[in-house]
Each structure stands twice: as C-alpha cells, then as structure tokens.
C-alpha cells in the first residue's frame, strides 16, 4: 500500500488532473493526496477520481485544497462504455466566413437540433463556444432546451476563465481539457 503526495499548486488546467492520473496509473493501491490552489482544480481532480471509480474527498486549509484519492488493490478499472455522438463547438458562430451569418446559422442549428429525434449525448464547448451557454447568449433558450432533453453540456473552465465568464455560465457544467479529451475520444465527435 502506497501513500503519495502530489503538489500541483500553480499548475494551469488540465495539469493537476493529468499529473494525478499519471500518479494513479503508477500506483497499485494506496492513498494519493493532491494539493491544488483553486476550487476548479479541486473539482476536476474529484471528477477524475469518480470517473475512475475511486473514492475521493477534499478539504481546504488557507486556500490550499487537499484532495485525497483512495485506490484499492482489488478495485477493477471501470469498463469504458461506448459513447454516443458528441458535438464540439469551438466558436459562438456556425461555420467560417461572415460572422452575422454564422450567428444566424448557430441559432438555427441549435434550435433544429433541439427539435430533432437524433440528439447527441453531449455538447462540449471550448474557446469562444463557451459563450453559447452564458448569460446574454442569443442561443441560451436552445441550449437550456437541449439540457432539459438530457443532452449533457460541458464548458471548458480554462476558456470560461479566459473570457471572464465563469460566473455567467447559465447551462451545463464546467469541465477541463483532460475530461473533454477522455470523453470525445471514447465516442463519435462532430466538430462544428
């Protein structure tokens, strides 16, 4: 049984998750303590542990979060289930060319998608695409309808931070690039 400590303070997203995953992969059994310096990194490491089927908890002391992950020797790796289609939206418009037309097209696309019988499992928002799920978005109604229909909406936390929109997210949940890579590589992804 190993007891490890990993100091990920100061690492940009998805650094703490990637480093924690590497360390967990090397361990057969034991406890891993991951030190991070922000709420988002803490949540991301907890989500990583959950995705691996591991127990985890977190505590905060003076702005430093300690995430404790327990890896049991007999814990079987979770089976990767086949994922459905996912969409990766990297901008707040649809297609390249005229921006005004792109805004009209994304609104039309998301409305039509919400009305279709062939919904994606998830929509991942990166770069300017995160703006689609934030307050003031002209497509917020369609995004909320898709979420109500069971489509998972994930917005890149690093992107939300970059645009200073983390407090403006209205639909979906914040995720990280490691989680995005894990999910979209496990299924069919359409980049728009």
N, C-alpha and C. Protein backbone atom coordinates (compact mmCIF):
# COMPACT_ATOMS: atom_id res chain seq x y z
N UNK A 1 0.84 -1.17 0.00
CA UNK A 1 0.00 0.00 0.00
C UNK A 1 0.89 1.25 0.00
N UNK A 2 0.66 2.11 -0.99
CA UNK A 2 1.47 3.31 -1.14
C UNK A 2 0.72 4.54 -0.65
N UNK A 3 1.44 5.47 -0.06
CA UNK A 3 0.89 6.77 0.29
C UNK A 3 1.73 7.82 -0.41
N UNK A 4 1.11 8.53 -1.34
CA UNK A 4 1.83 9.50 -2.17
C UNK A 4 1.23 10.88 -1.98
N UNK A 5 2.05 11.89 -2.22
CA UNK A 5 1.59 13.28 -2.17
C UNK A 5 2.09 13.97 -3.44
N UNK A 6 1.19 14.70 -4.07
CA UNK A 6 1.49 15.36 -5.33
C UNK A 6 1.13 16.84 -5.19
N UNK A 7 2.12 17.71 -5.35
CA UNK A 7 1.89 19.15 -5.22
C UNK A 7 1.64 19.74 -6.61
N UNK A 8 0.39 20.08 -6.88
CA UNK A 8 0.00 20.63 -8.18
C UNK A 8 -0.38 22.10 -8.08
N UNK A 9 0.00 22.74 -6.99
CA UNK A 9 -0.30 24.17 -6.85
C UNK A 9 0.44 24.93 -7.94
N UNK A 10 -0.26 25.88 -8.54
CA UNK A 10 0.34 26.70 -9.58
C UNK A 10 0.26 26.12 -10.98
N UNK A 11 -0.19 24.87 -11.11
CA UNK A 11 -0.31 24.28 -12.43
C UNK A 11 -1.60 24.73 -13.10
N UNK A 12 -1.51 25.11 -14.37
CA UNK A 12 -2.69 25.51 -15.13
C UNK A 12 -3.48 24.27 -15.54
N UNK A 13 -4.76 24.45 -15.75
CA UNK A 13 -5.65 23.39 -16.21
C UNK A 13 -5.17 22.90 -17.56
N UNK A 14 -5.12 21.61 -17.83
CA UNK A 14 -5.55 20.47 -17.04
C UNK A 14 -4.42 19.81 -16.26
N UNK A 15 -3.34 20.55 -15.96
CA UNK A 15 -2.16 20.00 -15.30
C UNK A 15 -2.42 19.15 -14.08
N UNK A 16 -3.20 19.64 -13.09
CA UNK A 16 -3.43 18.83 -11.90
C UNK A 16 -4.10 17.48 -12.20
N UNK A 17 -5.04 17.47 -13.13
CA UNK A 17 -5.73 16.22 -13.47
C UNK A 17 -4.78 15.26 -14.18
N UNK A 18 -4.00 15.79 -15.11
CA UNK A 18 -3.07 14.94 -15.86
C UNK A 18 -2.03 14.34 -14.91
N UNK A 19 -1.47 15.16 -14.03
CA UNK A 19 -0.45 14.66 -13.10
C UNK A 19 -1.03 13.64 -12.12
N UNK A 20 -2.25 13.92 -11.63
CA UNK A 20 -2.90 12.97 -10.72
C UNK A 20 -3.16 11.64 -11.43
N UNK A 21 -3.61 11.70 -12.67
CA UNK A 21 -3.89 10.47 -13.45
C UNK A 21 -2.60 9.67 -13.64
N UNK A 22 -1.50 10.34 -13.97
CA UNK A 22 -0.22 9.65 -14.15
C UNK A 22 0.19 8.93 -12.87
N UNK A 23 0.06 9.62 -11.74
CA UNK A 23 0.46 9.04 -10.46
C UNK A 23 -0.44 7.86 -10.11
N UNK A 24 -1.75 8.02 -10.32
CA UNK A 24 -2.69 6.93 -10.02
C UNK A 24 -2.42 5.71 -10.90
N UNK A 25 -2.05 5.95 -12.15
CA UNK A 25 -1.74 4.84 -13.06
C UNK A 25 -0.54 4.03 -12.57
N UNK A 26 0.40 4.70 -11.92
CA UNK A 26 1.60 4.03 -11.42
C UNK A 26 1.35 3.26 -10.13
N UNK A 27 0.31 3.66 -9.40
CA UNK A 27 0.03 3.05 -8.10
C UNK A 27 -0.82 1.79 -8.26
N UNK A 28 -0.51 0.76 -7.47
CA UNK A 28 -1.37 -0.42 -7.46
C UNK A 28 -2.47 -0.27 -6.41
N UNK A 29 -2.10 0.30 -5.27
CA UNK A 29 -3.07 0.54 -4.20
C UNK A 29 -2.49 1.56 -3.24
N UNK A 30 -3.36 2.31 -2.61
CA UNK A 30 -2.89 3.28 -1.63
C UNK A 30 -3.68 4.56 -1.67
N UNK A 31 -3.06 5.59 -1.10
CA UNK A 31 -3.69 6.89 -0.98
C UNK A 31 -2.84 7.92 -1.70
N UNK A 32 -3.50 8.75 -2.49
CA UNK A 32 -2.83 9.86 -3.16
C UNK A 32 -3.44 11.16 -2.67
N UNK A 33 -2.59 12.03 -2.14
CA UNK A 33 -3.03 13.37 -1.77
C UNK A 33 -2.55 14.33 -2.84
N UNK A 34 -3.48 15.08 -3.39
CA UNK A 34 -3.17 16.06 -4.44
C UNK A 34 -3.43 17.44 -3.88
N UNK A 35 -2.41 18.28 -3.87
CA UNK A 35 -2.53 19.65 -3.39
C UNK A 35 -2.78 20.58 -4.58
N UNK A 36 -3.84 21.36 -4.50
CA UNK A 36 -4.16 22.33 -5.55
C UNK A 36 -4.51 23.66 -4.89
N UNK A 37 -4.50 24.72 -5.70
CA UNK A 37 -4.70 26.04 -5.11
C UNK A 37 -5.95 26.77 -5.60
N UNK A 38 -6.89 26.01 -6.18
CA UNK A 38 -8.13 26.67 -6.58
C UNK A 38 -9.27 25.66 -6.63
N UNK A 39 -10.47 26.18 -6.52
CA UNK A 39 -11.70 25.38 -6.46
C UNK A 39 -11.89 24.53 -7.71
N UNK A 40 -11.59 25.11 -8.88
CA UNK A 40 -11.78 24.39 -10.14
C UNK A 40 -10.88 23.16 -10.20
N UNK A 41 -9.61 23.32 -9.84
CA UNK A 41 -8.68 22.18 -9.86
C UNK A 41 -9.14 21.11 -8.88
N UNK A 42 -9.62 21.53 -7.70
CA UNK A 42 -10.14 20.57 -6.72
C UNK A 42 -11.28 19.77 -7.32
N UNK A 43 -12.24 20.46 -7.94
CA UNK A 43 -13.40 19.78 -8.54
C UNK A 43 -12.97 18.85 -9.66
N UNK A 44 -12.01 19.29 -10.46
CA UNK A 44 -11.55 18.46 -11.57
C UNK A 44 -10.87 17.17 -11.11
N UNK A 45 -10.09 17.24 -10.04
CA UNK A 45 -9.43 16.03 -9.51
C UNK A 45 -10.48 15.10 -8.90
N UNK A 46 -11.49 15.68 -8.23
CA UNK A 46 -12.58 14.85 -7.70
C UNK A 46 -13.33 14.15 -8.83
N UNK A 47 -13.57 14.87 -9.94
CA UNK A 47 -14.26 14.27 -11.09
C UNK A 47 -13.42 13.17 -11.71
N UNK A 48 -12.11 13.36 -11.77
CA UNK A 48 -11.22 12.32 -12.28
C UNK A 48 -11.36 11.06 -11.44
N UNK A 49 -11.30 11.21 -10.13
CA UNK A 49 -11.41 10.05 -9.24
C UNK A 49 -12.73 9.33 -9.47
N UNK A 50 -13.82 10.09 -9.56
CA UNK A 50 -15.14 9.48 -9.79
C UNK A 50 -15.17 8.73 -11.12
N UNK A 51 -14.56 9.32 -12.16
CA UNK A 51 -14.56 8.66 -13.47
C UNK A 51 -13.76 7.36 -13.46
N UNK A 52 -12.82 7.25 -12.53
CA UNK A 52 -12.01 6.03 -12.40
C UNK A 52 -12.59 5.04 -11.40
N UNK A 53 -13.73 5.41 -10.80
CA UNK A 53 -14.37 4.54 -9.83
C UNK A 53 -13.67 4.52 -8.49
N UNK A 54 -12.96 5.60 -8.15
CA UNK A 54 -12.20 5.67 -6.90
C UNK A 54 -12.88 6.61 -5.91
N UNK A 55 -12.73 6.31 -4.64
CA UNK A 55 -13.25 7.18 -3.59
C UNK A 55 -12.31 8.37 -3.41
N UNK A 56 -12.91 9.54 -3.19
CA UNK A 56 -12.11 10.75 -3.01
C UNK A 56 -12.84 11.73 -2.11
N UNK A 57 -12.08 12.55 -1.44
CA UNK A 57 -12.64 13.61 -0.62
C UNK A 57 -11.69 14.80 -0.70
N UNK A 58 -12.18 15.96 -0.27
CA UNK A 58 -11.35 17.16 -0.33
C UNK A 58 -11.55 17.99 0.93
N UNK A 59 -10.49 18.69 1.29
CA UNK A 59 -10.59 19.64 2.39
C UNK A 59 -9.76 20.87 2.00
N UNK A 60 -10.12 22.00 2.62
CA UNK A 60 -9.44 23.25 2.31
C UNK A 60 -8.82 23.82 3.58
N UNK A 61 -7.62 24.35 3.45
CA UNK A 61 -6.95 24.97 4.59
C UNK A 61 -6.10 26.12 4.07
N UNK A 62 -6.53 27.34 4.36
CA UNK A 62 -5.77 28.52 3.96
C UNK A 62 -5.60 28.68 2.47
N UNK A 63 -6.61 28.33 1.69
CA UNK A 63 -6.54 28.48 0.24
C UNK A 63 -5.88 27.31 -0.47
N UNK A 64 -5.46 26.31 0.28
CA UNK A 64 -4.87 25.11 -0.33
C UNK A 64 -5.87 23.97 -0.15
N UNK A 65 -6.20 23.32 -1.26
CA UNK A 65 -7.13 22.20 -1.23
C UNK A 65 -6.32 20.91 -1.29
N UNK A 66 -6.67 19.99 -0.41
CA UNK A 66 -6.05 18.67 -0.42
C UNK A 66 -7.12 17.68 -0.84
N UNK A 67 -6.92 17.07 -2.00
CA UNK A 67 -7.84 16.05 -2.50
C UNK A 67 -7.20 14.70 -2.21
N UNK A 68 -7.90 13.88 -1.44
CA UNK A 68 -7.40 12.56 -1.08
C UNK A 68 -8.13 11.52 -1.91
N UNK A 69 -7.37 10.75 -2.68
CA UNK A 69 -7.93 9.71 -3.55
C UNK A 69 -7.45 8.36 -3.03
N UNK A 70 -8.39 7.45 -2.85
CA UNK A 70 -8.05 6.11 -2.35
C UNK A 70 -8.20 5.10 -3.49
N UNK A 71 -7.09 4.43 -3.75
CA UNK A 71 -7.09 3.40 -4.79
C UNK A 71 -6.90 2.05 -4.11
N UNK A 72 -7.93 1.23 -4.21
CA UNK A 72 -7.87 -0.10 -3.58
C UNK A 72 -7.30 -1.10 -4.57
N UNK A 73 -6.54 -2.03 -4.05
CA UNK A 73 -5.85 -3.01 -4.88
C UNK A 73 -6.81 -3.84 -5.73
N UNK A 74 -7.93 -4.18 -5.17
CA UNK A 74 -8.86 -5.05 -5.88
C UNK A 74 -9.87 -4.30 -6.73
N UNK A 75 -9.79 -2.98 -6.70
CA UNK A 75 -10.75 -2.20 -7.49
C UNK A 75 -10.51 -2.45 -8.97
N UNK A 76 -11.53 -2.90 -9.63
CA UNK A 76 -11.43 -3.14 -11.07
C UNK A 76 -11.58 -1.82 -11.81
N UNK A 77 -10.84 -1.69 -12.87
CA UNK A 77 -10.95 -0.49 -13.70
C UNK A 77 -12.35 -0.45 -14.31
N UNK A 78 -12.96 0.73 -14.31
CA UNK A 78 -14.30 0.81 -14.88
C UNK A 78 -14.27 0.48 -16.37
N UNK A 79 -15.28 -0.20 -16.83
CA UNK A 79 -15.36 -0.53 -18.24
C UNK A 79 -15.74 0.72 -19.01
N UNK A 80 -15.08 0.90 -20.13
CA UNK A 80 -15.41 2.03 -20.99
C UNK A 80 -16.61 1.64 -21.82
N UNK A 81 -17.68 2.35 -21.60
CA UNK A 81 -18.85 2.07 -22.41
C UNK A 81 -18.79 2.88 -23.68
N UNK A 82 -19.37 2.37 -24.70
CA UNK A 82 -19.38 3.07 -25.97
C UNK A 82 -20.19 4.34 -25.82
N UNK A 83 -19.61 5.42 -26.24
CA UNK A 83 -20.27 6.71 -26.13
C UNK A 83 -21.06 7.01 -27.40
N UNK A 84 -22.12 7.77 -27.21
CA UNK A 84 -22.90 8.23 -28.35
C UNK A 84 -22.21 9.40 -29.01
N UNK A 85 -22.87 9.98 -29.96
CA UNK A 85 -22.31 11.13 -30.66
C UNK A 85 -22.21 12.32 -29.73
N UNK A 86 -21.15 13.08 -29.92
CA UNK A 86 -20.95 14.33 -29.19
C UNK A 86 -20.62 15.42 -30.18
N UNK A 87 -20.92 16.64 -29.79
CA UNK A 87 -20.57 17.80 -30.60
C UNK A 87 -19.50 18.60 -29.89
N UNK A 88 -18.55 19.12 -30.63
CA UNK A 88 -17.52 20.00 -30.11
C UNK A 88 -17.72 21.35 -30.78
N UNK A 89 -18.16 22.34 -30.02
CA UNK A 89 -18.39 23.68 -30.55
C UNK A 89 -17.27 24.59 -30.07
N UNK A 90 -16.48 25.11 -31.01
CA UNK A 90 -15.29 25.89 -30.66
C UNK A 90 -15.45 27.38 -30.93
N UNK A 91 -16.64 27.79 -31.30
CA UNK A 91 -16.87 29.21 -31.53
C UNK A 91 -18.34 29.51 -31.33
N UNK A 92 -18.66 30.79 -31.22
CA UNK A 92 -20.05 31.16 -30.96
C UNK A 92 -20.84 31.36 -32.26
N UNK A 93 -20.21 31.08 -33.37
CA UNK A 93 -20.88 31.14 -34.66
C UNK A 93 -20.78 29.77 -35.32
N UNK A 94 -21.54 29.59 -36.40
CA UNK A 94 -21.52 28.31 -37.12
C UNK A 94 -20.82 28.53 -38.45
N UNK A 95 -19.74 27.79 -38.67
CA UNK A 95 -19.01 27.88 -39.92
C UNK A 95 -18.06 29.06 -39.97
N UNK A 96 -17.35 29.15 -41.03
CA UNK A 96 -16.39 30.24 -41.26
C UNK A 96 -16.95 31.18 -42.30
N UNK A 97 -16.51 32.40 -42.25
CA UNK A 97 -16.97 33.40 -43.22
C UNK A 97 -17.63 34.55 -42.49
N UNK A 98 -18.78 34.94 -42.95
CA UNK A 98 -19.48 36.09 -42.40
C UNK A 98 -19.97 35.81 -40.97
N UNK A 99 -19.58 36.67 -40.02
CA UNK A 99 -19.95 36.46 -38.61
C UNK A 99 -21.45 36.61 -38.38
N UNK A 100 -22.07 37.57 -39.03
CA UNK A 100 -23.51 37.76 -38.85
C UNK A 100 -24.27 36.52 -39.32
N UNK A 101 -23.88 35.99 -40.46
CA UNK A 101 -24.50 34.76 -40.96
C UNK A 101 -24.21 33.61 -40.00
N UNK A 102 -22.99 33.54 -39.48
CA UNK A 102 -22.61 32.49 -38.53
C UNK A 102 -23.47 32.50 -37.28
N UNK A 103 -23.83 33.70 -36.81
CA UNK A 103 -24.71 33.81 -35.63
C UNK A 103 -26.12 33.33 -35.95
N UNK A 104 -26.59 33.65 -37.13
CA UNK A 104 -27.92 33.19 -37.56
C UNK A 104 -27.91 31.67 -37.69
N UNK A 105 -26.84 31.15 -38.29
CA UNK A 105 -26.76 29.70 -38.50
C UNK A 105 -26.66 28.91 -37.20
N UNK A 106 -25.88 29.40 -36.22
CA UNK A 106 -25.78 28.64 -34.96
C UNK A 106 -27.11 28.63 -34.24
N UNK A 107 -27.82 29.73 -34.30
CA UNK A 107 -29.14 29.80 -33.66
C UNK A 107 -30.09 28.81 -34.34
N UNK A 108 -30.07 28.79 -35.65
CA UNK A 108 -30.91 27.88 -36.41
C UNK A 108 -30.51 26.42 -36.16
N UNK A 109 -29.21 26.17 -36.14
CA UNK A 109 -28.71 24.81 -35.93
C UNK A 109 -29.14 24.26 -34.56
N UNK A 110 -28.90 25.05 -33.50
CA UNK A 110 -29.23 24.56 -32.16
C UNK A 110 -30.73 24.42 -31.96
N UNK A 111 -31.52 25.30 -32.57
CA UNK A 111 -32.98 25.16 -32.50
C UNK A 111 -33.40 23.85 -33.18
N UNK A 112 -32.88 23.62 -34.40
CA UNK A 112 -33.23 22.41 -35.14
C UNK A 112 -32.76 21.16 -34.40
N UNK A 113 -31.59 21.24 -33.79
CA UNK A 113 -31.07 20.10 -33.03
C UNK A 113 -32.00 19.76 -31.87
N UNK A 114 -32.46 20.79 -31.17
CA UNK A 114 -33.36 20.57 -30.03
C UNK A 114 -34.69 19.98 -30.47
N UNK A 115 -35.07 20.19 -31.71
CA UNK A 115 -36.32 19.66 -32.23
C UNK A 115 -36.17 18.30 -32.89
N UNK A 116 -34.93 17.85 -33.08
CA UNK A 116 -34.71 16.59 -33.80
C UNK A 116 -34.88 15.39 -32.89
N UNK A 117 -34.98 14.22 -33.49
CA UNK A 117 -35.07 12.96 -32.75
C UNK A 117 -33.71 12.29 -32.61
N UNK A 118 -32.67 12.95 -33.08
CA UNK A 118 -31.33 12.37 -33.07
C UNK A 118 -30.38 13.28 -32.27
N UNK A 119 -30.60 13.32 -30.96
CA UNK A 119 -29.83 14.21 -30.10
C UNK A 119 -28.45 13.63 -29.81
N UNK A 120 -27.46 14.49 -29.66
CA UNK A 120 -26.15 14.00 -29.23
C UNK A 120 -26.20 13.65 -27.75
N UNK A 121 -25.24 12.86 -27.31
CA UNK A 121 -25.12 12.57 -25.88
C UNK A 121 -24.64 13.80 -25.13
N UNK A 122 -23.70 14.53 -25.76
CA UNK A 122 -23.10 15.68 -25.09
C UNK A 122 -22.69 16.74 -26.09
N UNK A 123 -22.59 17.97 -25.59
CA UNK A 123 -22.04 19.09 -26.35
C UNK A 123 -20.90 19.65 -25.50
N UNK A 124 -19.71 19.70 -26.10
CA UNK A 124 -18.54 20.24 -25.44
C UNK A 124 -18.25 21.61 -26.03
N UNK A 125 -18.09 22.59 -25.15
CA UNK A 125 -17.87 23.97 -25.56
C UNK A 125 -16.45 24.38 -25.19
N UNK A 126 -15.69 24.81 -26.18
CA UNK A 126 -14.33 25.29 -25.96
C UNK A 126 -14.15 26.63 -26.66
N UNK A 127 -13.09 27.33 -26.29
CA UNK A 127 -12.77 28.63 -26.86
C UNK A 127 -14.02 29.52 -26.83
N UNK A 128 -14.33 30.22 -27.91
CA UNK A 128 -15.49 31.10 -27.94
C UNK A 128 -16.81 30.36 -27.84
N UNK A 129 -16.80 29.06 -28.02
CA UNK A 129 -18.02 28.27 -27.91
C UNK A 129 -18.64 28.32 -26.52
N UNK A 130 -17.82 28.59 -25.49
CA UNK A 130 -18.36 28.65 -24.13
C UNK A 130 -19.38 29.78 -23.98
N UNK A 131 -19.28 30.79 -24.83
CA UNK A 131 -20.20 31.93 -24.76
C UNK A 131 -21.63 31.52 -25.06
N UNK A 132 -21.80 30.40 -25.75
CA UNK A 132 -23.15 29.92 -26.11
C UNK A 132 -23.97 29.53 -24.89
N UNK A 133 -23.31 29.16 -23.79
CA UNK A 133 -24.00 28.70 -22.59
C UNK A 133 -24.02 29.74 -21.47
N UNK A 134 -23.64 30.96 -21.80
CA UNK A 134 -23.53 32.01 -20.78
C UNK A 134 -24.66 33.03 -20.89
N UNK A 135 -24.85 33.77 -19.80
CA UNK A 135 -25.87 34.82 -19.76
C UNK A 135 -25.68 35.75 -20.95
N UNK A 136 -26.78 36.12 -21.57
CA UNK A 136 -26.75 37.03 -22.71
C UNK A 136 -26.60 36.33 -24.05
N UNK A 137 -26.39 35.03 -24.05
CA UNK A 137 -26.24 34.30 -25.30
C UNK A 137 -27.55 34.31 -26.07
N UNK A 138 -27.50 34.59 -27.37
CA UNK A 138 -28.73 34.57 -28.17
C UNK A 138 -29.29 33.16 -28.39
N UNK A 139 -28.52 32.14 -28.00
CA UNK A 139 -28.99 30.76 -28.17
C UNK A 139 -29.20 30.07 -26.82
N UNK A 140 -29.26 30.83 -25.75
CA UNK A 140 -29.39 30.25 -24.42
C UNK A 140 -30.65 29.41 -24.28
N UNK A 141 -31.76 29.85 -24.86
CA UNK A 141 -33.01 29.07 -24.80
C UNK A 141 -32.82 27.68 -25.41
N UNK A 142 -32.18 27.63 -26.58
CA UNK A 142 -31.96 26.34 -27.24
C UNK A 142 -31.02 25.46 -26.42
N UNK A 143 -29.98 26.06 -25.83
CA UNK A 143 -29.05 25.29 -25.01
C UNK A 143 -29.76 24.73 -23.77
N UNK A 144 -30.61 25.54 -23.15
CA UNK A 144 -31.36 25.07 -21.98
C UNK A 144 -32.34 23.97 -22.37
N UNK A 145 -32.95 24.11 -23.54
CA UNK A 145 -33.88 23.06 -24.01
C UNK A 145 -33.13 21.76 -24.25
N UNK A 146 -31.96 21.84 -24.87
CA UNK A 146 -31.15 20.63 -25.09
C UNK A 146 -30.78 19.97 -23.77
N UNK A 147 -30.39 20.77 -22.79
CA UNK A 147 -30.06 20.22 -21.47
C UNK A 147 -31.28 19.55 -20.84
N UNK A 148 -32.44 20.17 -20.99
CA UNK A 148 -33.67 19.59 -20.43
C UNK A 148 -34.03 18.28 -21.12
N UNK A 149 -33.61 18.13 -22.36
CA UNK A 149 -33.86 16.90 -23.11
C UNK A 149 -32.83 15.81 -22.79
N UNK A 150 -31.89 16.12 -21.90
CA UNK A 150 -30.91 15.11 -21.49
C UNK A 150 -29.54 15.23 -22.12
N UNK A 151 -29.33 16.22 -22.98
CA UNK A 151 -28.01 16.42 -23.58
C UNK A 151 -27.11 17.05 -22.52
N UNK A 152 -25.98 16.44 -22.27
CA UNK A 152 -25.02 16.98 -21.30
C UNK A 152 -24.27 18.13 -21.97
N UNK A 153 -24.18 19.25 -21.28
CA UNK A 153 -23.47 20.42 -21.79
C UNK A 153 -22.25 20.63 -20.90
N UNK A 154 -21.07 20.67 -21.51
CA UNK A 154 -19.84 20.84 -20.77
C UNK A 154 -19.07 22.05 -21.33
N UNK A 155 -18.69 22.97 -20.46
CA UNK A 155 -17.94 24.15 -20.86
C UNK A 155 -16.54 24.09 -20.27
N UNK A 156 -15.56 24.36 -21.09
CA UNK A 156 -14.15 24.35 -20.67
C UNK A 156 -13.92 25.45 -19.63
N UNK A 157 -13.45 25.05 -18.44
CA UNK A 157 -13.19 26.00 -17.36
C UNK A 157 -12.10 27.00 -17.70
N UNK A 158 -11.05 26.55 -18.37
CA UNK A 158 -9.96 27.43 -18.77
C UNK A 158 -10.48 28.52 -19.71
N UNK A 159 -11.36 28.12 -20.63
CA UNK A 159 -11.93 29.06 -21.59
C UNK A 159 -12.84 30.07 -20.89
N UNK A 160 -13.66 29.58 -19.96
CA UNK A 160 -14.53 30.48 -19.19
C UNK A 160 -13.68 31.48 -18.40
N UNK A 161 -12.59 31.01 -17.81
CA UNK A 161 -11.69 31.92 -17.09
C UNK A 161 -11.09 32.95 -18.04
N UNK A 162 -10.65 32.50 -19.19
CA UNK A 162 -10.01 33.40 -20.17
C UNK A 162 -10.95 34.54 -20.56
N UNK A 163 -12.21 34.21 -20.81
CA UNK A 163 -13.19 35.23 -21.20
C UNK A 163 -13.86 35.90 -19.99
N UNK A 164 -13.44 35.51 -18.78
CA UNK A 164 -14.01 36.04 -17.53
C UNK A 164 -15.53 35.81 -17.49
N UNK A 165 -15.92 34.58 -17.80
CA UNK A 165 -17.34 34.23 -17.89
C UNK A 165 -17.76 33.14 -16.90
N UNK A 166 -16.86 32.74 -16.01
CA UNK A 166 -17.18 31.61 -15.14
C UNK A 166 -18.45 31.86 -14.33
N UNK A 167 -18.66 33.09 -13.88
CA UNK A 167 -19.87 33.40 -13.11
C UNK A 167 -21.10 33.61 -13.99
N UNK A 168 -20.91 33.61 -15.30
CA UNK A 168 -22.02 33.83 -16.23
C UNK A 168 -22.58 32.55 -16.84
N UNK A 169 -21.98 31.41 -16.51
CA UNK A 169 -22.45 30.14 -17.07
C UNK A 169 -23.88 29.89 -16.61
N UNK A 170 -24.79 29.71 -17.57
CA UNK A 170 -26.21 29.54 -17.26
C UNK A 170 -26.70 28.11 -17.45
N UNK A 171 -26.02 27.34 -18.28
CA UNK A 171 -26.46 25.97 -18.56
C UNK A 171 -25.24 25.06 -18.68
N UNK A 172 -25.37 23.86 -18.15
CA UNK A 172 -24.28 22.90 -18.22
C UNK A 172 -23.36 22.99 -17.03
N UNK A 173 -22.23 22.33 -17.16
CA UNK A 173 -21.26 22.33 -16.07
C UNK A 173 -19.87 22.58 -16.59
N UNK A 174 -19.03 23.02 -15.69
CA UNK A 174 -17.64 23.32 -16.03
C UNK A 174 -16.84 22.03 -16.03
N UNK A 175 -16.00 21.90 -17.03
CA UNK A 175 -15.13 20.73 -17.11
C UNK A 175 -13.73 21.18 -17.47
N UNK A 176 -12.85 20.24 -17.75
CA UNK A 176 -11.46 20.55 -18.08
C UNK A 176 -11.05 19.82 -19.34
N UNK A 177 -9.92 20.22 -19.90
CA UNK A 177 -9.49 19.66 -21.17
C UNK A 177 -9.21 18.16 -21.08
N UNK A 178 -8.69 17.70 -19.95
CA UNK A 178 -8.45 16.26 -19.81
C UNK A 178 -9.77 15.49 -19.93
N UNK A 179 -10.79 15.95 -19.22
CA UNK A 179 -12.09 15.28 -19.28
C UNK A 179 -12.68 15.36 -20.68
N UNK A 180 -12.50 16.49 -21.36
CA UNK A 180 -13.00 16.62 -22.72
C UNK A 180 -12.33 15.61 -23.63
N UNK A 181 -11.01 15.50 -23.53
CA UNK A 181 -10.27 14.54 -24.37
C UNK A 181 -10.73 13.12 -24.08
N UNK A 182 -10.86 12.77 -22.81
CA UNK A 182 -11.30 11.42 -22.44
C UNK A 182 -12.67 11.09 -23.02
N UNK A 183 -13.59 12.02 -22.95
CA UNK A 183 -14.95 11.77 -23.40
C UNK A 183 -15.05 11.75 -24.92
N UNK A 184 -14.46 12.72 -25.58
CA UNK A 184 -14.65 12.78 -27.03
C UNK A 184 -13.85 11.72 -27.78
N UNK A 185 -12.77 11.22 -27.19
CA UNK A 185 -12.04 10.15 -27.86
C UNK A 185 -12.69 8.80 -27.66
N UNK A 186 -13.66 8.72 -26.74
CA UNK A 186 -14.36 7.45 -26.48
C UNK A 186 -15.58 7.28 -27.38
N UNK A 187 -15.92 8.28 -28.17
CA UNK A 187 -17.12 8.17 -29.00
C UNK A 187 -16.98 8.98 -30.27
N UNK A 188 -18.04 9.01 -31.04
CA UNK A 188 -18.06 9.76 -32.29
C UNK A 188 -18.23 11.25 -31.98
N UNK A 189 -17.38 12.07 -32.53
CA UNK A 189 -17.42 13.50 -32.27
C UNK A 189 -17.52 14.26 -33.58
N UNK A 190 -18.40 15.22 -33.60
CA UNK A 190 -18.53 16.11 -34.74
C UNK A 190 -18.07 17.48 -34.31
N UNK A 191 -17.06 18.02 -34.98
CA UNK A 191 -16.59 19.36 -34.66
C UNK A 191 -17.30 20.35 -35.57
N UNK A 192 -17.89 21.35 -34.95
CA UNK A 192 -18.61 22.36 -35.73
C UNK A 192 -17.94 23.71 -35.57
